[in-house]
């Protein structure tokens, strides 16, 4: 079988992404080799393709943080999985490939009731939502929760997880036609414009913010006493997948510098989360991997918005960056 990967060789539009031949590597003692069925596409991949992702490796490199597939081989020290097992894996770069060889601690068996497509939609979104909701914000029963990125992969799981915890959830979208999708997840739905125009919508215990920039201040004003906001990105710095330095610079400049003295007055808290940096820590990687067992207990169902052949990766990126997607966008290799 010929294996391929997709590399970022130069910064620019989605059309710069192409398939390349890949020579698979045999697993070391504590490694697992996986024949990949699906690779997850994340907004971070778009930012690194544009050159706006500071944690990205030096070019050329293979992006991608998550895959699902079948174990092809394991090292002598691996006991948890064996050849033929269907698995999910967090790759921390390198996921846009038909074959990956990675440390066994990053690999876990496919949860019961989830197929390989849904499995590839799980790791990054679940880890991010888990960290934001339950590690940082400590969401619990009775909380009022606002999810700004309600139709994205993280937002879909965050709504389900918050509702399972007993919270009352509201979701936002910039597209009116996506409101029924949010309501179908059991949350109240508003467009951003509708929400901002209604001053009665305040007193939230937790807000999940993905747009960053100027959106943070007006959303933070909707927190109640002891409310917490977790910011997981600056999507407002990118529009239609274009390499626009002015837009990203303005988004960074409009991101508020919030002093501790102001927080004393508000009695609220604000966090910033880069989940992929957290996953660099072996202790946290193990902790979050073990938390995957909660997926079945909570009845979580990742939403796969659209699947593209890996050969059409440029269309997959354009679909996500132009906000056509609901849930997760995937690349299919098999």
C-alpha atoms as a PDB file:
ATOM      1  CA  UNK A   1       0.000   0.000   0.000  1.00  0.00           C
ATOM      2  CA  UNK A   2       1.301   3.452  -0.930  1.00  0.00           C
ATOM      3  CA  UNK A   3       1.107   5.939   1.920  1.00  0.00           C
ATOM      4  CA  UNK A   4       0.815   9.708   1.612  1.00  0.00           C
ATOM      5  CA  UNK A   5       0.801  12.843   3.736  1.00  0.00           C
ATOM      6  CA  UNK A   6      -0.077  16.514   3.320  1.00  0.00           C
ATOM      7  CA  UNK A   7       2.546  19.138   4.120  1.00  0.00           C
ATOM      8  CA  UNK A   8       2.631  22.872   4.657  1.00  0.00           C
ATOM      9  CA  UNK A   9       5.564  23.883   2.483  1.00  0.00           C
ATOM     10  CA  UNK A  10       4.724  27.575   2.150  1.00  0.00           C
ATOM     11  CA  UNK A  11       2.231  29.897   3.783  1.00  0.00           C
ATOM     12  CA  UNK A  12      -0.835  30.924   1.825  1.00  0.00           C
ATOM     13  CA  UNK A  13      -4.230  29.865   0.543  1.00  0.00           C
ATOM     14  CA  UNK A  14      -5.736  26.406   0.831  1.00  0.00           C
ATOM     15  CA  UNK A  15      -4.605  25.651  -2.719  1.00  0.00           C
ATOM     16  CA  UNK A  16      -0.996  25.383  -1.439  1.00  0.00           C
ATOM     17  CA  UNK A  17      -1.779  22.009   0.192  1.00  0.00           C
ATOM     18  CA  UNK A  18      -0.882  18.865  -1.773  1.00  0.00           C
ATOM     19  CA  UNK A  19      -0.361  15.119  -1.298  1.00  0.00           C
ATOM     20  CA  UNK A  20       3.162  13.713  -0.998  1.00  0.00           C
ATOM     21  CA  UNK A  21       4.523  10.181  -0.853  1.00  0.00           C
ATOM     22  CA  UNK A  22       5.238   8.930   2.666  1.00  0.00           C
ATOM     23  CA  UNK A  23       7.598   6.213   3.838  1.00  0.00           C
ATOM     24  CA  UNK A  24       6.031   4.622   6.967  1.00  0.00           C
ATOM     25  CA  UNK A  25       8.231   4.145  10.034  1.00  0.00           C
ATOM     26  CA  UNK A  26       8.188   0.943  12.100  1.00  0.00           C
ATOM     27  CA  UNK A  27       7.190   1.474  15.741  1.00  0.00           C
ATOM     28  CA  UNK A  28       9.791   1.716  18.482  1.00  0.00           C
ATOM     29  CA  UNK A  29       9.504  -0.126  21.791  1.00  0.00           C
ATOM     30  CA  UNK A  30       6.701   2.078  23.194  1.00  0.00           C
ATOM     31  CA  UNK A  31       5.123   3.182  19.919  1.00  0.00           C
ATOM     32  CA  UNK A  32       2.077   2.283  17.846  1.00  0.00           C
ATOM     33  CA  UNK A  33       1.806   2.317  14.036  1.00  0.00           C
ATOM     34  CA  UNK A  34      -1.669   3.187  12.721  1.00  0.00           C
ATOM     35  CA  UNK A  35      -3.191   2.909   9.267  1.00  0.00           C
ATOM     36  CA  UNK A  36      -5.289   6.079   9.285  1.00  0.00           C
ATOM     37  CA  UNK A  37      -8.914   6.113   8.185  1.00  0.00           C
ATOM     38  CA  UNK A  38      -9.725   9.757   9.025  1.00  0.00           C
ATOM     39  CA  UNK A  39      -7.807  12.895  10.022  1.00  0.00           C
ATOM     40  CA  UNK A  40      -9.490  15.747  11.861  1.00  0.00           C
ATOM     41  CA  UNK A  41      -9.295  19.279  10.449  1.00  0.00           C
ATOM     42  CA  UNK A  42      -9.060  22.064  13.041  1.00  0.00           C
ATOM     43  CA  UNK A  43      -9.090  25.839  12.816  1.00  0.00           C
ATOM     44  CA  UNK A  44      -5.534  25.781  14.157  1.00  0.00           C
ATOM     45  CA  UNK A  45      -4.511  24.034  10.913  1.00  0.00           C
ATOM     46  CA  UNK A  46      -5.811  27.009   8.953  1.00  0.00           C
ATOM     47  CA  UNK A  47      -3.940  29.455  11.165  1.00  0.00           C
ATOM     48  CA  UNK A  48      -0.665  27.537  10.742  1.00  0.00           C
ATOM     49  CA  UNK A  49      -1.206  27.319   6.969  1.00  0.00           C
ATOM     50  CA  UNK A  50      -1.484  31.115   6.959  1.00  0.00           C
ATOM     51  CA  UNK A  51       1.653  31.475   9.088  1.00  0.00           C
ATOM     52  CA  UNK A  52      -0.204  32.753  12.145  1.00  0.00           C
ATOM     53  CA  UNK A  53       0.436  29.826  14.499  1.00  0.00           C
ATOM     54  CA  UNK A  54       3.521  30.396  16.679  1.00  0.00           C
ATOM     55  CA  UNK A  55       3.752  26.785  17.926  1.00  0.00           C
ATOM     56  CA  UNK A  56       4.027  25.301  14.435  1.00  0.00           C
ATOM     57  CA  UNK A  57       7.261  23.484  13.476  1.00  0.00           C
ATOM     58  CA  UNK A  58       9.646  24.827  10.881  1.00  0.00           C
ATOM     59  CA  UNK A  59       8.425  24.286   7.304  1.00  0.00           C
ATOM     60  CA  UNK A  60       7.913  21.926   5.638  1.00  0.00           C
ATOM     61  CA  UNK A  61       5.810  20.048   8.178  1.00  0.00           C
ATOM     62  CA  UNK A  62       2.706  17.876   8.337  1.00  0.00           C
ATOM     63  CA  UNK A  63      -0.189  19.487  10.261  1.00  0.00           C
ATOM     64  CA  UNK A  64      -2.956  17.628  12.053  1.00  0.00           C
ATOM     65  CA  UNK A  65      -3.666  16.790  15.659  1.00  0.00           C
ATOM     66  CA  UNK A  66      -5.964  13.769  15.583  1.00  0.00           C
ATOM     67  CA  UNK A  67      -6.653  10.602  13.653  1.00  0.00           C
ATOM     68  CA  UNK A  68      -8.687   7.429  13.787  1.00  0.00           C
ATOM     69  CA  UNK A  69      -7.795   4.122  12.211  1.00  0.00           C
ATOM     70  CA  UNK A  70      -6.562   0.571  12.722  1.00  0.00           C
ATOM     71  CA  UNK A  71      -3.420  -0.498  14.556  1.00  0.00           C
ATOM     72  CA  UNK A  72      -0.952  -1.947  12.054  1.00  0.00           C
ATOM     73  CA  UNK A  73       1.902  -2.787  14.440  1.00  0.00           C
ATOM     74  CA  UNK A  74       3.031  -2.159  18.026  1.00  0.00           C
ATOM     75  CA  UNK A  75       6.366  -2.002  19.805  1.00  0.00           C
ATOM     76  CA  UNK A  76       7.495  -4.656  22.297  1.00  0.00           C
ATOM     77  CA  UNK A  77       6.595  -2.475  25.280  1.00  0.00           C
ATOM     78  CA  UNK A  78       2.984  -1.806  24.249  1.00  0.00           C
ATOM     79  CA  UNK A  79       0.270  -3.742  26.077  1.00  0.00           C
ATOM     80  CA  UNK A  80      -2.919  -1.668  25.836  1.00  0.00           C
ATOM     81  CA  UNK A  81      -3.558  -2.105  22.102  1.00  0.00           C
ATOM     82  CA  UNK A  82      -2.638  -4.707  19.510  1.00  0.00           C
ATOM     83  CA  UNK A  83      -2.685  -5.035  15.707  1.00  0.00           C
ATOM     84  CA  UNK A  84      -6.219  -4.920  14.333  1.00  0.00           C
ATOM     85  CA  UNK A  85      -7.622  -2.716  17.117  1.00  0.00           C
ATOM     86  CA  UNK A  86      -9.657   0.302  15.996  1.00  0.00           C
ATOM     87  CA  UNK A  87      -8.252   3.339  17.738  1.00  0.00           C
ATOM     88  CA  UNK A  88      -8.265   7.116  18.133  1.00  0.00           C
ATOM     89  CA  UNK A  89      -5.037   9.061  18.573  1.00  0.00           C
ATOM     90  CA  UNK A  90      -3.833  12.558  19.313  1.00  0.00           C
ATOM     91  CA  UNK A  91      -0.857  13.251  17.071  1.00  0.00           C
ATOM     92  CA  UNK A  92       0.412  16.760  17.985  1.00  0.00           C
ATOM     93  CA  UNK A  93       1.284  17.560  14.344  1.00  0.00           C
ATOM     94  CA  UNK A  94       1.669  14.849  11.697  1.00  0.00           C
ATOM     95  CA  UNK A  95      -2.003  13.856  11.589  1.00  0.00           C
ATOM     96  CA  UNK A  96      -2.597  14.663   7.901  1.00  0.00           C
ATOM     97  CA  UNK A  97      -1.215  11.296   6.837  1.00  0.00           C
ATOM     98  CA  UNK A  98      -2.433   7.854   5.796  1.00  0.00           C
ATOM     99  CA  UNK A  99      -0.049   6.236   8.298  1.00  0.00           C
ATOM    100  CA  UNK A 100       1.321   7.516  11.622  1.00  0.00           C
ATOM    101  CA  UNK A 101       3.733   6.084  14.172  1.00  0.00           C
ATOM    102  CA  UNK A 102       3.352   7.707  17.593  1.00  0.00           C
ATOM    103  CA  UNK A 103       3.905   7.061  21.338  1.00  0.00           C
ATOM    104  CA  UNK A 104       1.431   4.586  22.807  1.00  0.00           C
ATOM    105  CA  UNK A 105       0.313   7.075  25.489  1.00  0.00           C
ATOM    106  CA  UNK A 106      -1.360   9.096  22.718  1.00  0.00           C
ATOM    107  CA  UNK A 107      -3.436   6.147  21.470  1.00  0.00           C
ATOM    108  CA  UNK A 108      -6.699   4.832  22.918  1.00  0.00           C
ATOM    109  CA  UNK A 109      -9.311   2.343  21.777  1.00  0.00           C
ATOM    110  CA  UNK A 110     -12.372   3.579  19.919  1.00  0.00           C
ATOM    111  CA  UNK A 111     -15.176   4.123  22.479  1.00  0.00           C
ATOM    112  CA  UNK A 112     -18.187   1.835  22.206  1.00  0.00           C
ATOM    113  CA  UNK A 113     -20.946   3.192  19.999  1.00  0.00           C
ATOM    114  CA  UNK A 114     -18.680   5.537  18.028  1.00  0.00           C
ATOM    115  CA  UNK A 115     -17.492   4.777  14.493  1.00  0.00           C
ATOM    116  CA  UNK A 116     -14.116   5.768  13.054  1.00  0.00           C
ATOM    117  CA  UNK A 117     -15.438   8.996  11.531  1.00  0.00           C
ATOM    118  CA  UNK A 118     -16.915  10.201  14.831  1.00  0.00           C
ATOM    119  CA  UNK A 119     -13.757   9.000  16.547  1.00  0.00           C
ATOM    120  CA  UNK A 120     -11.573  11.348  14.512  1.00  0.00           C
ATOM    121  CA  UNK A 121     -13.889  14.194  15.528  1.00  0.00           C
ATOM    122  CA  UNK A 122     -13.310  13.496  19.197  1.00  0.00           C
ATOM    123  CA  UNK A 123      -9.778  14.054  20.626  1.00  0.00           C
ATOM    124  CA  UNK A 124      -9.012  17.769  20.183  1.00  0.00           C
ATOM    125  CA  UNK A 125     -12.606  18.858  20.697  1.00  0.00           C
ATOM    126  CA  UNK A 126     -13.142  16.687  23.755  1.00  0.00           C
ATOM    127  CA  UNK A 127      -9.818  17.568  25.397  1.00  0.00           C
ATOM    128  CA  UNK A 128     -10.450  21.292  24.834  1.00  0.00           C
ATOM    129  CA  UNK A 129     -13.991  21.153  26.206  1.00  0.00           C
ATOM    130  CA  UNK A 130     -12.918  19.013  29.164  1.00  0.00           C
ATOM    131  CA  UNK A 131     -10.141  21.447  30.105  1.00  0.00           C
ATOM    132  CA  UNK A 132     -12.300  24.546  29.662  1.00  0.00           C
ATOM    133  CA  UNK A 133     -15.507  23.359  31.334  1.00  0.00           C
ATOM    134  CA  UNK A 134     -14.344  21.079  34.098  1.00  0.00           C
ATOM    135  CA  UNK A 135     -10.675  21.804  34.818  1.00  0.00           C
ATOM    136  CA  UNK A 136     -10.668  25.590  34.535  1.00  0.00           C
ATOM    137  CA  UNK A 137     -14.281  26.759  34.943  1.00  0.00           C
ATOM    138  CA  UNK A 138     -15.538  23.898  37.156  1.00  0.00           C
ATOM    139  CA  UNK A 139     -19.005  23.947  35.570  1.00  0.00           C
ATOM    140  CA  UNK A 140     -21.640  22.215  37.695  1.00  0.00           C
ATOM    141  CA  UNK A 141     -25.378  21.654  37.987  1.00  0.00           C
ATOM    142  CA  UNK A 142     -27.451  24.823  37.891  1.00  0.00           C
ATOM    143  CA  UNK A 143     -24.818  26.949  36.138  1.00  0.00           C
ATOM    144  CA  UNK A 144     -25.803  29.190  33.253  1.00  0.00           C
ATOM    145  CA  UNK A 145     -23.416  28.522  30.372  1.00  0.00           C
ATOM    146  CA  UNK A 146     -22.849  30.508  27.170  1.00  0.00           C
ATOM    147  CA  UNK A 147     -21.030  28.793  24.279  1.00  0.00           C
ATOM    148  CA  UNK A 148     -19.984  31.316  21.646  1.00  0.00           C
ATOM    149  CA  UNK A 149     -18.650  28.700  19.185  1.00  0.00           C
ATOM    150  CA  UNK A 150     -21.817  26.613  19.447  1.00  0.00           C
ATOM    151  CA  UNK A 151     -21.798  25.092  15.948  1.00  0.00           C
ATOM    152  CA  UNK A 152     -18.115  24.159  15.856  1.00  0.00           C
ATOM    153  CA  UNK A 153     -16.584  20.853  16.906  1.00  0.00           C
ATOM    154  CA  UNK A 154     -15.605  22.070  20.388  1.00  0.00           C
ATOM    155  CA  UNK A 155     -18.917  23.863  20.875  1.00  0.00           C
ATOM    156  CA  UNK A 156     -21.026  20.833  19.969  1.00  0.00           C
ATOM    157  CA  UNK A 157     -19.304  18.708  22.621  1.00  0.00           C
ATOM    158  CA  UNK A 158     -19.195  21.579  25.143  1.00  0.00           C
ATOM    159  CA  UNK A 159     -22.990  21.948  24.925  1.00  0.00           C
ATOM    160  CA  UNK A 160     -23.511  18.222  25.474  1.00  0.00           C
ATOM    161  CA  UNK A 161     -21.021  18.088  28.351  1.00  0.00           C
ATOM    162  CA  UNK A 162     -22.458  21.154  30.108  1.00  0.00           C
ATOM    163  CA  UNK A 163     -25.993  19.818  29.794  1.00  0.00           C
ATOM    164  CA  UNK A 164     -24.888  16.451  31.172  1.00  0.00           C
ATOM    165  CA  UNK A 165     -23.487  18.304  34.180  1.00  0.00           C
ATOM    166  CA  UNK A 166     -26.910  19.885  34.728  1.00  0.00           C
ATOM    167  CA  UNK A 167     -26.168  23.354  33.367  1.00  0.00           C
ATOM    168  CA  UNK A 168     -28.547  25.589  31.405  1.00  0.00           C
ATOM    169  CA  UNK A 169     -26.859  26.240  28.041  1.00  0.00           C
ATOM    170  CA  UNK A 170     -27.141  29.024  25.461  1.00  0.00           C
ATOM    171  CA  UNK A 171     -25.345  28.854  22.114  1.00  0.00           C
ATOM    172  CA  UNK A 172     -24.387  31.617  19.684  1.00  0.00           C
ATOM    173  CA  UNK A 173     -23.903  31.654  15.918  1.00  0.00           C
ATOM    174  CA  UNK A 174     -23.230  34.287  13.261  1.00  0.00           C
ATOM    175  CA  UNK A 175     -25.488  32.393  10.834  1.00  0.00           C
ATOM    176  CA  UNK A 176     -29.261  32.510  11.507  1.00  0.00           C
ATOM    177  CA  UNK A 177     -29.867  29.252   9.597  1.00  0.00           C
ATOM    178  CA  UNK A 178     -27.690  27.392  12.135  1.00  0.00           C
ATOM    179  CA  UNK A 179     -29.953  28.214  15.110  1.00  0.00           C
ATOM    180  CA  UNK A 180     -32.075  25.037  14.707  1.00  0.00           C
ATOM    181  CA  UNK A 181     -28.877  22.974  14.834  1.00  0.00           C
ATOM    182  CA  UNK A 182     -28.015  24.500  18.236  1.00  0.00           C
ATOM    183  CA  UNK A 183     -31.550  23.975  19.497  1.00  0.00           C
ATOM    184  CA  UNK A 184     -31.334  20.349  18.395  1.00  0.00           C
ATOM    185  CA  UNK A 185     -28.495  19.932  20.901  1.00  0.00           C
ATOM    186  CA  UNK A 186     -30.798  21.083  23.702  1.00  0.00           C
ATOM    187  CA  UNK A 187     -29.494  24.654  24.029  1.00  0.00           C
ATOM    188  CA  UNK A 188     -31.140  28.025  23.571  1.00  0.00           C
ATOM    189  CA  UNK A 189     -29.954  29.641  20.342  1.00  0.00           C
ATOM    190  CA  UNK A 190     -29.263  33.248  19.374  1.00  0.00           C
ATOM    191  CA  UNK A 191     -27.338  34.972  16.649  1.00  0.00           C
ATOM    192  CA  UNK A 192     -24.535  37.130  17.999  1.00  0.00           C
ATOM    193  CA  UNK A 193     -26.467  40.240  16.950  1.00  0.00           C
ATOM    194  CA  UNK A 194     -29.632  39.113  18.746  1.00  0.00           C
ATOM    195  CA  UNK A 195     -27.718  38.302  21.890  1.00  0.00           C
ATOM    196  CA  UNK A 196     -25.808  41.592  21.993  1.00  0.00           C
ATOM    197  CA  UNK A 197     -29.029  43.561  21.502  1.00  0.00           C
ATOM    198  CA  UNK A 198     -30.729  41.954  24.507  1.00  0.00           C
ATOM    199  CA  UNK A 199     -29.338  43.414  27.749  1.00  0.00           C
ATOM    200  CA  UNK A 200     -31.468  41.021  29.786  1.00  0.00           C
ATOM    201  CA  UNK A 201     -29.191  38.157  28.739  1.00  0.00           C
ATOM    202  CA  UNK A 202     -26.561  38.380  31.462  1.00  0.00           C
ATOM    203  CA  UNK A 203     -25.542  36.721  34.708  1.00  0.00           C
ATOM    204  CA  UNK A 204     -23.733  33.750  33.126  1.00  0.00           C
ATOM    205  CA  UNK A 205     -21.574  31.491  35.275  1.00  0.00           C
ATOM    206  CA  UNK A 206     -19.384  30.406  32.368  1.00  0.00           C
ATOM    207  CA  UNK A 207     -18.651  31.689  28.853  1.00  0.00           C
ATOM    208  CA  UNK A 208     -16.630  29.757  26.282  1.00  0.00           C
ATOM    209  CA  UNK A 209     -15.074  32.303  23.908  1.00  0.00           C
ATOM    210  CA  UNK A 210     -13.365  31.373  20.623  1.00  0.00           C
ATOM    211  CA  UNK A 211     -13.302  34.621  18.638  1.00  0.00           C
ATOM    212  CA  UNK A 212     -11.039  36.607  20.961  1.00  0.00           C
ATOM    213  CA  UNK A 213     -10.249  40.210  20.085  1.00  0.00           C
ATOM    214  CA  UNK A 214     -12.884  42.847  20.750  1.00  0.00           C
ATOM    215  CA  UNK A 215     -15.547  40.205  21.453  1.00  0.00           C
ATOM    216  CA  UNK A 216     -14.048  39.437  24.863  1.00  0.00           C
ATOM    217  CA  UNK A 217     -15.039  42.688  26.573  1.00  0.00           C
ATOM    218  CA  UNK A 218     -18.748  42.711  25.751  1.00  0.00           C
ATOM    219  CA  UNK A 219     -19.055  39.001  26.529  1.00  0.00           C
ATOM    220  CA  UNK A 220     -17.215  39.401  29.825  1.00  0.00           C
ATOM    221  CA  UNK A 221     -19.767  42.040  30.815  1.00  0.00           C
ATOM    222  CA  UNK A 222     -22.456  39.308  30.623  1.00  0.00           C
ATOM    223  CA  UNK A 223     -20.817  37.262  33.393  1.00  0.00           C
ATOM    224  CA  UNK A 224     -22.477  37.108  36.779  1.00  0.00           C
ATOM    225  CA  UNK A 225     -20.692  37.380  40.114  1.00  0.00           C
ATOM    226  CA  UNK A 226     -17.962  34.668  40.310  1.00  0.00           C
ATOM    227  CA  UNK A 227     -18.508  33.969  36.589  1.00  0.00           C
ATOM    228  CA  UNK A 228     -15.618  32.572  34.543  1.00  0.00           C
ATOM    229  CA  UNK A 229     -14.662  33.005  30.900  1.00  0.00           C
ATOM    230  CA  UNK A 230     -12.276  30.682  29.052  1.00  0.00           C
ATOM    231  CA  UNK A 231     -10.828  31.947  25.750  1.00  0.00           C
ATOM    232  CA  UNK A 232      -9.714  29.205  23.365  1.00  0.00           C
ATOM    233  CA  UNK A 233      -8.665  31.148  20.260  1.00  0.00           C
ATOM    234  CA  UNK A 234      -8.710  34.297  18.156  1.00  0.00           C
ATOM    235  CA  UNK A 235     -10.826  33.237  15.190  1.00  0.00           C
ATOM    236  CA  UNK A 236     -11.769  36.878  14.576  1.00  0.00           C
ATOM    237  CA  UNK A 237      -8.242  37.338  13.214  1.00  0.00           C
ATOM    238  CA  UNK A 238      -8.953  35.142  10.171  1.00  0.00           C
ATOM    239  CA  UNK A 239     -11.623  35.627   7.507  1.00  0.00           C
ATOM    240  CA  UNK A 240     -12.216  33.458   4.435  1.00  0.00           C
ATOM    241  CA  UNK A 241      -8.796  31.826   4.775  1.00  0.00           C
ATOM    242  CA  UNK A 242      -6.890  34.855   3.527  1.00  0.00           C
ATOM    243  CA  UNK A 243      -3.385  35.753   4.706  1.00  0.00           C
ATOM    244  CA  UNK A 244      -4.234  39.175   6.127  1.00  0.00           C
ATOM    245  CA  UNK A 245      -1.601  40.543   8.511  1.00  0.00           C
ATOM    246  CA  UNK A 246      -3.646  43.660   9.253  1.00  0.00           C
ATOM    247  CA  UNK A 247      -6.662  41.635  10.365  1.00  0.00           C
ATOM    248  CA  UNK A 248      -4.671  39.384  12.690  1.00  0.00           C
ATOM    249  CA  UNK A 249      -2.782  42.393  14.073  1.00  0.00           C
ATOM    250  CA  UNK A 250      -6.041  44.254  14.765  1.00  0.00           C
ATOM    251  CA  UNK A 251      -7.512  41.204  16.481  1.00  0.00           C
ATOM    252  CA  UNK A 252      -4.444  41.002  18.718  1.00  0.00           C
ATOM    253  CA  UNK A 253      -4.540  44.736  19.464  1.00  0.00           C
ATOM    254  CA  UNK A 254      -8.254  44.587  20.283  1.00  0.00           C
ATOM    255  CA  UNK A 255      -7.758  41.726  22.710  1.00  0.00           C
ATOM    256  CA  UNK A 256      -8.193  43.454  26.089  1.00  0.00           C
ATOM    257  CA  UNK A 257      -5.402  43.779  28.637  1.00  0.00           C
ATOM    258  CA  UNK A 258      -7.335  43.058  31.807  1.00  0.00           C
ATOM    259  CA  UNK A 259      -5.742  44.111  35.084  1.00  0.00           C
ATOM    260  CA  UNK A 260      -6.278  42.355  38.395  1.00  0.00           C
ATOM    261  CA  UNK A 261      -7.695  45.514  39.980  1.00  0.00           C
ATOM    262  CA  UNK A 262     -10.556  45.546  37.442  1.00  0.00           C
ATOM    263  CA  UNK A 263     -11.281  41.917  38.227  1.00  0.00           C
ATOM    264  CA  UNK A 264     -11.657  42.864  41.899  1.00  0.00           C
ATOM    265  CA  UNK A 265     -14.498  45.176  40.919  1.00  0.00           C
ATOM    266  CA  UNK A 266     -16.183  42.628  38.656  1.00  0.00           C
ATOM    267  CA  UNK A 267     -15.691  39.579  40.890  1.00  0.00           C
ATOM    268  CA  UNK A 268     -15.168  37.461  37.769  1.00  0.00           C
ATOM    269  CA  UNK A 269     -12.304  35.464  36.283  1.00  0.00           C
ATOM    270  CA  UNK A 270     -10.837  35.019  32.820  1.00  0.00           C
ATOM    271  CA  UNK A 271      -8.666  32.188  31.511  1.00  0.00           C
ATOM    272  CA  UNK A 272      -6.822  31.557  28.260  1.00  0.00           C
ATOM    273  CA  UNK A 273      -6.448  27.976  27.066  1.00  0.00           C
ATOM    274  CA  UNK A 274      -4.117  26.450  24.487  1.00  0.00           C
ATOM    275  CA  UNK A 275      -5.155  22.816  24.873  1.00  0.00           C
ATOM    276  CA  UNK A 276      -2.423  21.609  22.528  1.00  0.00           C
ATOM    277  CA  UNK A 277       0.244  23.069  24.809  1.00  0.00           C
ATOM    278  CA  UNK A 278      -1.362  21.287  27.756  1.00  0.00           C
ATOM    279  CA  UNK A 279      -1.080  18.016  25.833  1.00  0.00           C
ATOM    280  CA  UNK A 280       2.683  18.441  25.652  1.00  0.00           C
ATOM    281  CA  UNK A 281       2.788  17.630  29.357  1.00  0.00           C
ATOM    282  CA  UNK A 282       2.957  13.823  29.814  1.00  0.00           C
ATOM    283  CA  UNK A 283       0.985  13.961  33.073  1.00  0.00           C
ATOM    284  CA  UNK A 284      -1.846  15.913  31.482  1.00  0.00           C
ATOM    285  CA  UNK A 285      -1.775  13.754  28.355  1.00  0.00           C
ATOM    286  CA  UNK A 286      -2.289  10.665  30.526  1.00  0.00           C
ATOM    287  CA  UNK A 287      -4.969  12.385  32.611  1.00  0.00           C
ATOM    288  CA  UNK A 288      -6.960  13.538  29.597  1.00  0.00           C
ATOM    289  CA  UNK A 289      -6.564  10.238  27.786  1.00  0.00           C
ATOM    290  CA  UNK A 290      -8.055   8.450  30.796  1.00  0.00           C
ATOM    291  CA  UNK A 291     -10.922  10.953  30.766  1.00  0.00           C
ATOM    292  CA  UNK A 292     -11.957   9.572  27.362  1.00  0.00           C
ATOM    293  CA  UNK A 293     -13.781   6.888  29.348  1.00  0.00           C
ATOM    294  CA  UNK A 294     -16.289   9.606  30.302  1.00  0.00           C
ATOM    295  CA  UNK A 295     -17.406   9.885  26.669  1.00  0.00           C
ATOM    296  CA  UNK A 296     -19.534   6.774  26.959  1.00  0.00           C
ATOM    297  CA  UNK A 297     -20.850   7.693  30.426  1.00  0.00           C
ATOM    298  CA  UNK A 298     -21.964  11.118  29.197  1.00  0.00           C
ATOM    299  CA  UNK A 299     -23.405   9.758  25.958  1.00  0.00           C
ATOM    300  CA  UNK A 300     -21.404  12.242  23.889  1.00  0.00           C
ATOM    301  CA  UNK A 301     -21.921  12.184  20.135  1.00  0.00           C
ATOM    302  CA  UNK A 302     -19.385  14.171  18.064  1.00  0.00           C
ATOM    303  CA  UNK A 303     -21.026  15.774  15.038  1.00  0.00           C
ATOM    304  CA  UNK A 304     -19.250  15.182  11.733  1.00  0.00           C
ATOM    305  CA  UNK A 305     -20.201  18.074   9.489  1.00  0.00           C
ATOM    306  CA  UNK A 306     -18.544  16.934   6.271  1.00  0.00           C
ATOM    307  CA  UNK A 307     -15.957  14.418   5.078  1.00  0.00           C
ATOM    308  CA  UNK A 308     -13.575  15.228   2.213  1.00  0.00           C
ATOM    309  CA  UNK A 309     -11.186  12.867   0.409  1.00  0.00           C
ATOM    310  CA  UNK A 310      -7.652  13.602   1.566  1.00  0.00           C
ATOM    311  CA  UNK A 311      -6.817  14.468  -2.038  1.00  0.00           C
ATOM    312  CA  UNK A 312      -9.278  17.379  -1.760  1.00  0.00           C
ATOM    313  CA  UNK A 313      -7.766  18.875   1.401  1.00  0.00           C
ATOM    314  CA  UNK A 314      -7.934  22.387  -0.073  1.00  0.00           C
ATOM    315  CA  UNK A 315     -11.735  22.171  -0.280  1.00  0.00           C
ATOM    316  CA  UNK A 316     -11.877  20.926   3.312  1.00  0.00           C
ATOM    317  CA  UNK A 317      -9.922  23.957   4.515  1.00  0.00           C
ATOM    318  CA  UNK A 318     -12.056  26.351   2.478  1.00  0.00           C
ATOM    319  CA  UNK A 319     -15.246  24.768   3.811  1.00  0.00           C
ATOM    320  CA  UNK A 320     -14.116  25.337   7.408  1.00  0.00           C
ATOM    321  CA  UNK A 321     -12.568  28.786   7.016  1.00  0.00           C
ATOM    322  CA  UNK A 322     -15.650  30.220   5.270  1.00  0.00           C
ATOM    323  CA  UNK A 323     -17.870  29.082   8.186  1.00  0.00           C
ATOM    324  CA  UNK A 324     -19.933  26.634   6.156  1.00  0.00           C
ATOM    325  CA  UNK A 325     -19.298  23.813   8.618  1.00  0.00           C
ATOM    326  CA  UNK A 326     -21.297  22.622  11.591  1.00  0.00           C
ATOM    327  CA  UNK A 327     -19.335  20.254  13.798  1.00  0.00           C
ATOM    328  CA  UNK A 328     -16.183  18.580  12.568  1.00  0.00           C
ATOM    329  CA  UNK A 329     -14.571  18.519   9.128  1.00  0.00           C
ATOM    330  CA  UNK A 330     -12.617  15.345   8.299  1.00  0.00           C
ATOM    331  CA  UNK A 331     -10.187  14.021   5.698  1.00  0.00           C
ATOM    332  CA  UNK A 332     -10.738  10.411   4.597  1.00  0.00           C
ATOM    333  CA  UNK A 333      -7.772   8.260   3.580  1.00  0.00           C
ATOM    334  CA  UNK A 334      -9.232   4.838   2.936  1.00  0.00           C
END
